[in-house]
Protein backbone atom coordinates (compact mmCIF):
# COMPACT_ATOMS: atom_id res chain seq x y z
CA MET A 1 -30.22 -25.14 6.36
CA THR A 2 -26.83 -26.65 6.89
CA SER A 3 -23.63 -24.76 7.27
CA ARG A 4 -20.62 -25.93 5.18
CA PRO A 5 -16.88 -25.31 5.98
CA ILE A 6 -15.15 -22.46 4.34
CA THR A 7 -12.10 -23.08 2.18
CA LYS A 8 -8.49 -22.76 2.92
CA ASP A 9 -8.43 -19.84 0.44
CA GLU A 10 -11.59 -18.23 1.98
CA HIS A 11 -10.26 -18.50 5.47
CA ILE A 12 -6.74 -16.94 4.53
CA MET A 13 -8.73 -14.12 2.59
CA ILE A 14 -11.00 -13.34 5.38
CA MET A 15 -8.30 -13.33 8.20
CA LYS A 16 -5.75 -11.38 5.94
CA THR A 17 -8.38 -8.62 5.01
CA MET A 18 -9.71 -8.32 8.49
CA ASN A 19 -6.11 -8.05 9.97
CA GLU A 20 -5.17 -5.32 7.49
CA ASN A 21 -8.49 -3.48 7.69
CA HIS A 22 -9.32 -2.45 11.24
CA GLU A 23 -11.57 0.34 10.08
CA GLY A 24 -15.25 0.47 10.95
CA PHE A 25 -16.91 -2.60 12.30
CA PHE A 26 -13.68 -4.48 13.05
CA LYS A 27 -12.01 -1.48 14.90
CA ARG A 28 -14.99 -1.24 17.22
CA ASN A 29 -15.27 -5.12 17.43
CA PRO A 30 -11.77 -6.68 17.21
CA GLN A 31 -13.06 -9.60 19.37
CA ILE A 32 -14.73 -11.06 16.08
CA ILE A 33 -11.13 -11.76 14.55
CA HIS A 34 -10.08 -13.49 17.67
CA ILE A 35 -13.21 -15.52 17.89
CA LEU A 36 -12.82 -16.60 14.20
CA THR A 37 -9.36 -17.56 15.00
CA VAL A 38 -10.15 -19.69 18.30
CA GLU A 39 -13.02 -21.44 16.52
CA CYS A 40 -10.82 -22.52 13.58
CA SER A 41 -7.99 -23.45 15.92
CA THR A 42 -9.95 -25.55 18.46
CA GLY A 43 -13.14 -26.88 16.88
CA LEU A 44 -15.07 -25.76 19.89
CA ARG A 45 -18.69 -24.53 19.72
CA LEU A 46 -19.04 -21.03 19.84
CA GLY A 47 -21.11 -21.11 22.95
CA ASP A 48 -18.22 -22.64 24.79
CA ILE A 49 -15.65 -20.18 23.39
CA LEU A 50 -17.75 -17.22 24.57
CA ARG A 51 -17.66 -18.71 28.22
CA MET A 52 -13.76 -19.05 27.85
CA LYS A 53 -11.57 -17.39 30.35
CA LEU A 54 -7.69 -17.27 30.53
CA SER A 55 -8.09 -19.34 33.92
CA ASP A 56 -9.19 -22.25 31.78
CA ILE A 57 -5.54 -22.38 30.32
CA TYR A 58 -3.00 -24.11 32.30
CA ARG A 59 0.54 -25.63 31.62
CA THR A 60 1.64 -29.19 31.71
CA ASP A 61 4.94 -30.78 31.30
CA LYS A 62 3.98 -31.22 27.52
CA GLY A 63 2.86 -27.70 27.03
CA TYR A 64 -0.33 -25.56 27.54
CA ARG A 65 -3.86 -26.89 27.59
CA LEU A 66 -7.41 -25.45 27.46
CA LYS A 67 -9.90 -27.29 29.64
CA ILE A 68 -13.49 -26.76 29.25
CA ILE A 69 -16.86 -28.32 30.13
CA GLU A 70 -18.83 -28.40 27.05
CA LYS A 71 -22.35 -26.70 27.56
CA LYS A 72 -24.09 -28.99 25.01
CA THR A 73 -22.69 -32.40 26.28
CA GLY A 74 -21.49 -31.64 29.81
CA LYS A 75 -18.28 -33.42 29.03
CA ARG A 76 -14.85 -32.27 29.93
CA ARG A 77 -12.83 -31.21 26.83
CA GLU A 78 -9.12 -30.56 26.81
CA VAL A 79 -7.64 -28.67 23.86
CA LYS A 80 -3.78 -28.59 23.19
CA ILE A 81 -2.53 -25.22 22.60
CA ASN A 82 0.22 -25.05 19.92
CA ARG A 83 2.81 -22.18 19.54
CA GLU A 84 0.85 -20.46 16.93
CA PHE A 85 -2.33 -20.61 19.22
CA GLN A 86 -0.33 -19.48 22.29
CA LYS A 87 0.82 -16.27 20.43
CA HIS A 88 -2.79 -15.64 19.25
CA ILE A 89 -3.94 -15.80 22.97
CA ARG A 90 -1.16 -13.24 24.00
CA ASP A 91 -2.30 -10.98 21.15
CA CYS A 92 -5.81 -11.52 22.17
CA ARG A 93 -5.27 -10.59 25.78
CA ALA A 94 -3.29 -7.41 24.83
CA ALA A 95 -5.94 -6.35 22.30
CA LEU A 96 -8.79 -6.93 24.55
CA HIS A 97 -7.30 -5.60 27.72
CA ILE A 98 -7.97 -8.58 29.75
CA ASP A 99 -6.55 -8.38 33.30
CA ASP A 100 -8.73 -10.52 35.28
CA MET A 101 -8.06 -14.27 34.54
CA ASP A 102 -11.58 -15.27 35.51
CA GLU A 103 -13.43 -12.75 33.28
CA PRO A 104 -14.68 -14.16 29.85
CA CYS A 105 -12.35 -13.40 27.13
CA PHE A 106 -14.79 -12.22 24.72
CA ILE A 107 -17.30 -9.51 26.02
CA SER A 108 -18.95 -6.62 23.96
CA THR A 109 -17.78 -3.01 24.47
CA LYS A 110 -20.86 -2.74 26.70
CA GLY A 111 -19.33 -5.41 29.13
CA LYS A 112 -21.57 -8.13 28.44
CA PRO A 113 -20.91 -11.50 26.87
CA TYR A 114 -21.87 -11.84 23.05
CA SER A 115 -24.78 -13.96 22.05
CA VAL A 116 -24.25 -16.76 19.50
CA GLN A 117 -27.21 -15.05 17.52
CA TRP A 118 -25.46 -11.68 17.35
CA ILE A 119 -22.20 -13.45 16.19
CA ASN A 120 -24.15 -15.19 13.43
CA LEU A 121 -25.70 -11.96 12.23
CA VAL A 122 -22.08 -10.57 12.04
CA PHE A 123 -21.13 -13.73 9.86
CA LYS A 124 -23.69 -12.97 7.48
CA GLU A 125 -22.29 -9.43 7.04
CA LEU A 126 -18.95 -11.16 6.69
CA LYS A 127 -20.37 -13.28 3.98
CA ASP A 128 -21.69 -10.28 2.05
CA LEU A 129 -18.40 -8.22 2.79
CA TYR A 130 -16.13 -10.75 1.39
CA ASN A 131 -18.49 -12.21 -1.20
CA LEU A 132 -18.08 -15.77 0.04
CA LYS A 133 -19.79 -18.35 -2.06
CA ILE A 134 -21.38 -20.28 0.86
CA ASP A 135 -25.07 -20.91 0.84
CA HIS A 136 -25.09 -20.75 4.90
CA PHE A 137 -22.37 -19.15 6.67
CA SER A 138 -22.49 -19.30 10.35
CA THR A 139 -20.13 -19.82 13.44
CA HIS A 140 -20.74 -23.64 13.00
CA SER A 141 -19.00 -23.20 9.50
CA LEU A 142 -15.80 -22.57 11.40
CA ARG A 143 -16.21 -25.81 13.71
CA LYS A 144 -16.58 -27.78 10.38
CA THR A 145 -13.61 -25.83 8.99
CA PHE A 146 -11.45 -27.16 11.74
CA GLY A 147 -12.66 -30.62 11.22
CA ARG A 148 -11.90 -30.42 7.41
CA LYS A 149 -8.44 -28.95 8.05
CA VAL A 150 -7.77 -31.92 10.33
CA PHE A 151 -9.09 -34.47 7.75
CA GLU A 152 -7.35 -32.95 4.72
CA SER A 153 -3.86 -32.66 6.45
CA SER A 154 -3.81 -36.32 7.48
CA ASP A 155 -2.26 -39.02 5.68
CA ASN A 156 -4.72 -41.62 7.22
CA ALA A 157 -8.26 -40.53 6.53
CA GLU A 158 -9.96 -43.08 8.58
CA LEU A 159 -7.72 -42.31 11.87
CA ALA A 160 -8.44 -38.63 11.15
CA LEU A 161 -12.23 -39.30 11.16
CA VAL A 162 -11.95 -41.45 14.43
CA LYS A 163 -9.87 -38.50 15.91
CA LEU A 164 -12.56 -36.06 14.81
CA MET A 165 -15.42 -38.35 15.93
CA GLU A 166 -13.82 -38.17 19.42
CA LEU A 167 -13.14 -34.42 19.43
CA PHE A 168 -16.68 -33.53 18.22
CA ASN A 169 -18.24 -35.97 20.64
CA HIS A 170 -20.14 -37.89 17.82
CA SER A 171 -21.38 -41.32 18.50
CA SER A 172 -20.02 -42.71 15.01
CA VAL A 173 -17.64 -42.14 12.17
CA SER A 174 -20.55 -41.94 9.79
CA ILE A 175 -22.09 -39.01 11.66
CA THR A 176 -18.56 -37.28 11.54
CA LYS A 177 -18.40 -37.89 7.75
CA ARG A 178 -21.85 -36.70 7.15
CA TYR A 179 -21.07 -33.58 9.62
CA LEU A 180 -18.05 -32.57 7.39
CA GLY A 181 -19.92 -33.22 4.12
CA LEU A 182 -17.34 -35.75 3.01
CA LYS A 183 -18.13 -37.73 0.02
CA GLN A 184 -17.05 -41.42 -0.48
CA GLU A 185 -14.67 -40.39 -3.27
CA GLU A 186 -12.76 -38.14 -0.92
CA ILE A 187 -12.27 -41.03 1.38
CA LEU A 188 -11.02 -43.40 -1.27
CA GLN A 189 -8.46 -40.88 -2.41
CA THR A 190 -6.56 -41.95 0.82
CA TYR A 191 -5.33 -44.90 -1.07
CA ASP A 192 -3.69 -42.85 -3.83
CA CYS A 193 -1.10 -41.84 -1.45
CA LEU A 194 0.02 -45.39 -0.50
CA SER A 195 3.23 -46.82 -2.29
CA PHE A 196 5.06 -50.08 -1.70
């Protein structure tokens, strides 16, 4: 079963409702909100996010970066941290009471790292709780959501696909198209925005 990205409206609704409603599950597990935001902001795999430490973030003359070695590929990945994401990291650090820069950012209340399987069970709850019209909603949906956001906000679809191919470490643009569930008609709409 293949996951699909969530729509912009679904994403806004989930984040808004979770931030307003800190009762029950989300009050006990505020990390879930932060995991959702980090995955949608970086396009990283959940396994890499769960290993993330604040010491993985460093400053350059061009701003902040997050460096990580991807568990699946073994490749070094660098993510630029924009201002909005910097604010989220500060909020996350305060909310999760992270003092040790070498401690994983996302650990359960029992002091252990979350498992991908447990987070995916939480996502099934989210699907039901927010009545999402998604056949298969998992953490991988958020990685695809990141990709769709990049693609849809670009004026040059082919260039966006090439960039995403690199970010996702895909071997070809056609794999990236299939991964994002893009249809040929969506690609061809790029030509509608051209004017001479």
